[in-house]
Amino acid sequence: SSHRGASAQPTRHRQLAHTTAAMGQGECTGCGSSDPAMDTVRLTAYVVGVTGGTLLHAADGSNTSLKHQEEEDCAHRAPQELHLREEEELRERSLAVELRRSFSEANEQLSLERERTEAQARIERRMREEAELQRQVAETAARRAEDETKRPAMEQARKEAQRKVDLFLSARGFITISLPRTSCFKASYPLHVAVQENSADIISALLLCGADKMVKNSSGRVPLEVAEQLNKKGSHQAVLSALA
């Protein structure tokens, strides 16, 4: 192509020289006078006409080369861009996997911690229950031991109370501590009579032998109400204490 371009240039130069000579020849034989300005315009127009094809051809070739270069650049960038996208996707997948793993480990740690807390709570609750059971057992044993110790004295006190009650019931005309005594359509119980007599000792003996302190007489009053009515300036305070 360089050889053809080199051979084309002299040809165009010869044509230009020939045309220039012809134009000068026509001027001399024609009008006999010359106009330098018009001669310059004609020469420039001819030169442009002769060289225009070459310039357009060069411009087209330059555009083709640029387009080809752009295609090559694009073809060269495409694998690189694909590689970069693949690397980015790989990083994103790796990050997602790492996040899932971290989340799973955190959940597992929380589960283990919750299980340890619950296990510790169960142990502490069991220890409290065992301590409470031991306390109850100890209290029961202590009460039993105390009862065993007090039993003879309690039996003796109950026997003495029963003796007092029997003497009281017999002397006041009662059959038992739970049956009333009637007189003039009025009914009274041993506890009411003991309150009227202001006898705290007999009241205690009756209660120890099983008398009901909530029983009502014919007036609808319990022994405590009768004692409160009779209490004047603390006269029946011992009776009130025995019935409390």
Protein backbone atom coordinates (compact mmCIF):
# COMPACT_ATOMS: atom_id res chain seq x y z
CA SER A 1 0.00 0.00 0.00
CA SER A 2 2.93 2.39 0.72
CA HIS A 3 4.35 1.69 -2.74
CA ARG A 4 1.03 2.43 -4.40
CA GLY A 5 0.66 5.64 -2.34
CA ALA A 6 4.20 6.71 -3.31
CA SER A 7 3.56 6.12 -7.01
CA ALA A 8 0.23 7.94 -6.82
CA GLN A 9 1.78 11.10 -5.42
CA PRO A 10 4.12 11.86 -8.40
CA THR A 11 1.25 11.19 -10.78
CA ARG A 12 -0.91 13.75 -9.04
CA HIS A 13 2.01 16.20 -9.02
CA ARG A 14 2.56 15.75 -12.74
CA GLN A 15 -1.15 16.31 -13.38
CA LEU A 16 -1.00 19.46 -11.30
CA ALA A 17 2.07 20.73 -13.14
CA HIS A 18 0.54 19.91 -16.50
CA THR A 19 -2.67 21.69 -15.61
CA THR A 20 -0.78 24.66 -14.31
CA ALA A 21 1.19 24.88 -17.51
CA ALA A 22 -1.94 24.55 -19.57
CA MET A 23 -3.62 27.27 -17.60
CA GLY A 24 -0.62 29.53 -18.17
CA GLN A 25 -0.59 28.69 -21.85
CA GLY A 26 -4.25 29.45 -22.30
CA GLU A 27 -3.81 32.74 -20.56
CA CYS A 28 -1.01 33.84 -22.80
CA THR A 29 -2.74 32.88 -26.08
CA GLY A 30 -6.24 33.81 -24.94
CA CYS A 31 -7.07 37.12 -23.38
CA GLY A 32 -3.55 38.51 -23.40
CA SER A 33 -3.93 39.80 -19.83
CA SER A 34 -3.66 38.03 -16.42
CA ASP A 35 -5.57 38.36 -13.12
CA PRO A 36 -3.43 37.02 -10.28
CA ALA A 37 -6.39 36.61 -7.89
CA MET A 38 -8.43 34.57 -10.35
CA ASP A 39 -5.44 32.45 -11.22
CA THR A 40 -4.95 31.60 -7.53
CA VAL A 41 -8.61 30.61 -7.11
CA ARG A 42 -8.53 28.34 -10.15
CA LEU A 43 -5.34 26.67 -9.00
CA THR A 44 -6.62 26.15 -5.44
CA ALA A 45 -9.90 24.69 -6.68
CA TYR A 46 -8.08 22.26 -8.88
CA VAL A 47 -5.68 21.22 -6.16
CA VAL A 48 -8.56 20.61 -3.77
CA GLY A 49 -10.37 18.59 -6.40
CA VAL A 50 -7.34 16.48 -7.10
CA THR A 51 -6.33 15.89 -3.44
CA GLY A 52 -9.85 15.70 -1.91
CA GLY A 53 -10.23 12.01 -2.63
CA THR A 54 -6.95 11.29 -0.91
CA LEU A 55 -7.94 13.25 2.20
CA LEU A 56 -11.37 11.60 2.40
CA HIS A 57 -9.77 8.21 1.93
CA ALA A 58 -7.32 8.95 4.75
CA ALA A 59 -10.14 10.09 7.04
CA ASP A 60 -12.15 6.93 6.33
CA GLY A 61 -9.12 4.83 7.05
CA SER A 62 -8.51 6.66 10.31
CA ASN A 63 -12.13 6.09 11.41
CA THR A 64 -11.89 2.41 10.57
CA SER A 65 -8.67 2.10 12.55
CA LEU A 66 -10.25 3.82 15.57
CA LYS A 67 -13.30 1.59 15.37
CA HIS A 68 -11.10 -1.47 15.12
CA GLN A 69 -9.03 -0.27 18.07
CA GLU A 70 -12.19 0.30 20.12
CA GLU A 71 -13.43 -3.19 19.28
CA GLU A 72 -10.09 -4.64 20.32
CA ASP A 73 -10.15 -2.63 23.56
CA CYS A 74 -13.70 -3.75 24.25
CA ALA A 75 -12.80 -7.37 23.54
CA HIS A 76 -9.80 -6.99 25.84
CA ARG A 77 -11.85 -5.39 28.64
CA ALA A 78 -14.70 -7.91 28.51
CA PRO A 79 -12.75 -10.82 30.13
CA GLN A 80 -11.34 -8.47 32.73
CA GLU A 81 -14.77 -7.13 33.62
CA LEU A 82 -16.15 -10.67 33.73
CA HIS A 83 -13.31 -11.67 36.03
CA LEU A 84 -13.96 -8.68 38.28
CA ARG A 85 -17.68 -9.51 38.46
CA GLU A 86 -16.88 -13.12 39.31
CA GLU A 87 -14.49 -12.00 42.03
CA GLU A 88 -17.13 -9.63 43.43
CA GLU A 89 -19.77 -12.40 43.42
CA LEU A 90 -17.32 -14.72 45.11
CA ARG A 91 -16.64 -12.13 47.81
CA GLU A 92 -20.35 -11.59 48.33
CA ARG A 93 -20.99 -15.33 48.63
CA SER A 94 -18.08 -15.69 51.04
CA LEU A 95 -19.41 -12.80 53.12
CA ALA A 96 -22.91 -14.34 53.17
CA VAL A 97 -21.48 -17.69 54.27
CA GLU A 98 -19.45 -15.99 57.00
CA LEU A 99 -22.49 -14.05 58.21
CA ARG A 100 -24.59 -17.22 58.35
CA ARG A 101 -21.85 -19.03 60.22
CA SER A 102 -21.46 -16.16 62.69
CA PHE A 103 -25.23 -16.00 63.20
CA SER A 104 -25.39 -19.76 63.73
CA GLU A 105 -22.54 -19.65 66.23
CA ALA A 106 -24.18 -16.76 68.09
CA ASN A 107 -27.47 -18.65 68.30
CA GLU A 108 -25.69 -21.76 69.48
CA GLN A 109 -23.84 -19.74 72.12
CA LEU A 110 -27.10 -18.19 73.29
CA SER A 111 -28.73 -21.62 73.47
CA LEU A 112 -25.83 -23.00 75.50
CA GLU A 113 -25.92 -20.02 77.82
CA ARG A 114 -29.68 -20.36 78.27
CA GLU A 115 -29.33 -24.08 78.99
CA ARG A 116 -26.60 -23.39 81.56
CA THR A 117 -28.76 -20.71 83.20
CA GLU A 118 -31.78 -23.02 83.31
CA ALA A 119 -29.69 -25.88 84.67
CA GLN A 120 -28.25 -23.62 87.38
CA ALA A 121 -31.75 -22.42 88.24
CA ARG A 122 -32.98 -26.03 88.50
CA ILE A 123 -30.06 -26.91 90.77
CA GLU A 124 -30.70 -23.91 93.01
CA ARG A 125 -34.43 -24.65 93.13
CA ARG A 126 -33.74 -28.28 94.03
CA MET A 127 -31.35 -27.18 96.75
CA ARG A 128 -33.95 -24.82 98.18
CA GLU A 129 -36.60 -27.55 98.09
CA GLU A 130 -34.25 -29.99 99.80
CA ALA A 131 -33.36 -27.38 102.42
CA GLU A 132 -37.06 -26.66 103.03
CA LEU A 133 -37.80 -30.37 103.29
CA GLN A 134 -34.97 -30.84 105.75
CA ARG A 135 -36.25 -27.89 107.78
CA GLN A 136 -39.75 -29.34 107.88
CA VAL A 137 -38.42 -32.74 108.86
CA ALA A 138 -36.35 -31.16 111.60
CA GLU A 139 -39.33 -29.15 112.87
CA THR A 140 -41.55 -32.22 112.84
CA ALA A 141 -38.95 -34.21 114.70
CA ALA A 142 -38.54 -31.38 117.22
CA ARG A 143 -42.30 -31.17 117.76
CA ARG A 144 -42.54 -34.89 118.21
CA ALA A 145 -39.68 -34.83 120.67
CA GLU A 146 -41.32 -31.94 122.50
CA ASP A 147 -44.65 -33.72 122.49
CA GLU A 148 -43.02 -36.83 123.83
CA THR A 149 -41.42 -34.75 126.52
CA LYS A 150 -44.65 -32.91 127.34
CA ARG A 151 -46.96 -35.85 126.92
CA PRO A 152 -46.81 -37.05 130.52
CA ALA A 153 -47.39 -33.53 131.79
CA MET A 154 -50.22 -32.97 129.30
CA GLU A 155 -51.85 -36.24 130.24
CA GLN A 156 -51.63 -35.28 133.86
CA ALA A 157 -53.08 -31.83 133.13
CA ARG A 158 -55.93 -33.35 131.11
CA LYS A 159 -56.76 -35.77 133.90
CA GLU A 160 -56.79 -32.93 136.40
CA ALA A 161 -58.98 -30.86 134.09
CA GLN A 162 -61.40 -33.74 133.63
CA ARG A 163 -61.63 -34.17 137.39
CA LYS A 164 -62.47 -30.49 137.81
CA VAL A 165 -65.02 -30.59 135.01
CA ASP A 166 -66.74 -33.65 136.43
CA LEU A 167 -67.05 -31.99 139.83
CA PHE A 168 -68.34 -28.75 138.22
CA LEU A 169 -70.92 -30.53 136.04
CA SER A 170 -72.17 -32.61 138.94
CA ALA A 171 -72.41 -29.64 141.26
CA ARG A 172 -74.25 -27.46 138.69
CA GLY A 173 -76.66 -30.11 137.43
CA PHE A 174 -75.13 -30.71 134.00
CA ILE A 175 -74.97 -34.13 132.41
CA THR A 176 -72.14 -33.39 129.94
CA ILE A 177 -70.23 -30.33 128.76
CA SER A 178 -72.18 -30.28 125.47
CA LEU A 179 -75.76 -30.49 126.81
CA PRO A 180 -77.53 -27.40 128.18
CA ARG A 181 -79.27 -27.01 131.49
CA THR A 182 -82.84 -25.70 131.25
CA SER A 183 -84.67 -23.71 133.84
CA CYS A 184 -87.79 -21.61 133.37
CA PHE A 185 -87.59 -22.09 129.63
CA LYS A 186 -84.03 -20.77 129.63
CA ALA A 187 -81.10 -22.84 128.47
CA SER A 188 -77.51 -22.37 129.53
CA TYR A 189 -74.32 -24.33 129.01
CA PRO A 190 -71.44 -25.12 131.38
CA LEU A 191 -69.25 -22.40 129.80
CA HIS A 192 -71.93 -19.72 130.29
CA VAL A 193 -72.31 -20.70 133.93
CA ALA A 194 -68.53 -20.67 134.46
CA VAL A 195 -68.43 -17.15 132.91
CA GLN A 196 -71.20 -15.96 135.23
CA GLU A 197 -69.26 -17.38 138.17
CA ASN A 198 -66.09 -15.62 136.86
CA SER A 199 -64.15 -18.91 137.05
CA ALA A 200 -61.28 -18.76 134.55
CA ASP A 201 -59.82 -22.02 135.90
CA ILE A 202 -63.05 -23.98 135.19
CA ILE A 203 -63.33 -22.32 131.75
CA SER A 204 -59.80 -23.50 130.88
CA ALA A 205 -60.63 -27.02 132.13
CA LEU A 206 -63.86 -27.13 130.08
CA LEU A 207 -62.05 -25.98 126.92
CA LEU A 208 -59.28 -28.53 127.50
CA CYS A 209 -61.90 -31.26 127.77
CA GLY A 210 -63.55 -30.19 124.49
CA ALA A 211 -66.22 -27.64 125.33
CA ASP A 212 -67.42 -25.47 122.40
CA LYS A 213 -66.83 -21.79 123.12
CA MET A 214 -69.07 -20.76 120.23
CA VAL A 215 -72.22 -22.37 121.65
CA LYS A 216 -75.11 -19.94 122.24
CA ASN A 217 -77.49 -19.78 125.19
CA SER A 218 -81.22 -19.13 124.96
CA SER A 219 -80.49 -15.42 124.56
CA GLY A 220 -78.37 -16.12 121.49
CA ARG A 221 -75.07 -15.15 123.11
CA VAL A 222 -71.78 -16.99 123.14
CA PRO A 223 -69.74 -17.20 126.39
CA LEU A 224 -67.40 -14.39 125.28
CA GLU A 225 -70.33 -11.98 124.80
CA VAL A 226 -71.65 -12.80 128.26
CA ALA A 227 -68.18 -12.16 129.72
CA GLU A 228 -67.88 -8.79 127.94
CA GLN A 229 -71.29 -7.78 129.32
CA LEU A 230 -70.32 -8.76 132.85
CA ASN A 231 -66.85 -7.23 132.70
CA LYS A 232 -66.80 -4.13 134.87
CA LYS A 233 -63.51 -2.36 135.31
CA GLY A 234 -61.60 -5.54 134.42
CA SER A 235 -63.55 -7.81 136.76
CA HIS A 236 -63.75 -10.59 134.19
CA GLN A 237 -60.44 -9.98 132.43
CA ALA A 238 -59.08 -13.48 133.26
CA VAL A 239 -62.25 -15.02 131.84
CA LEU A 240 -61.90 -12.95 128.66
CA SER A 241 -58.30 -14.08 128.29
CA ALA A 242 -59.30 -17.75 128.74
CA LEU A 243 -61.99 -17.42 126.05
CA ALA A 244 -59.81 -15.46 123.55
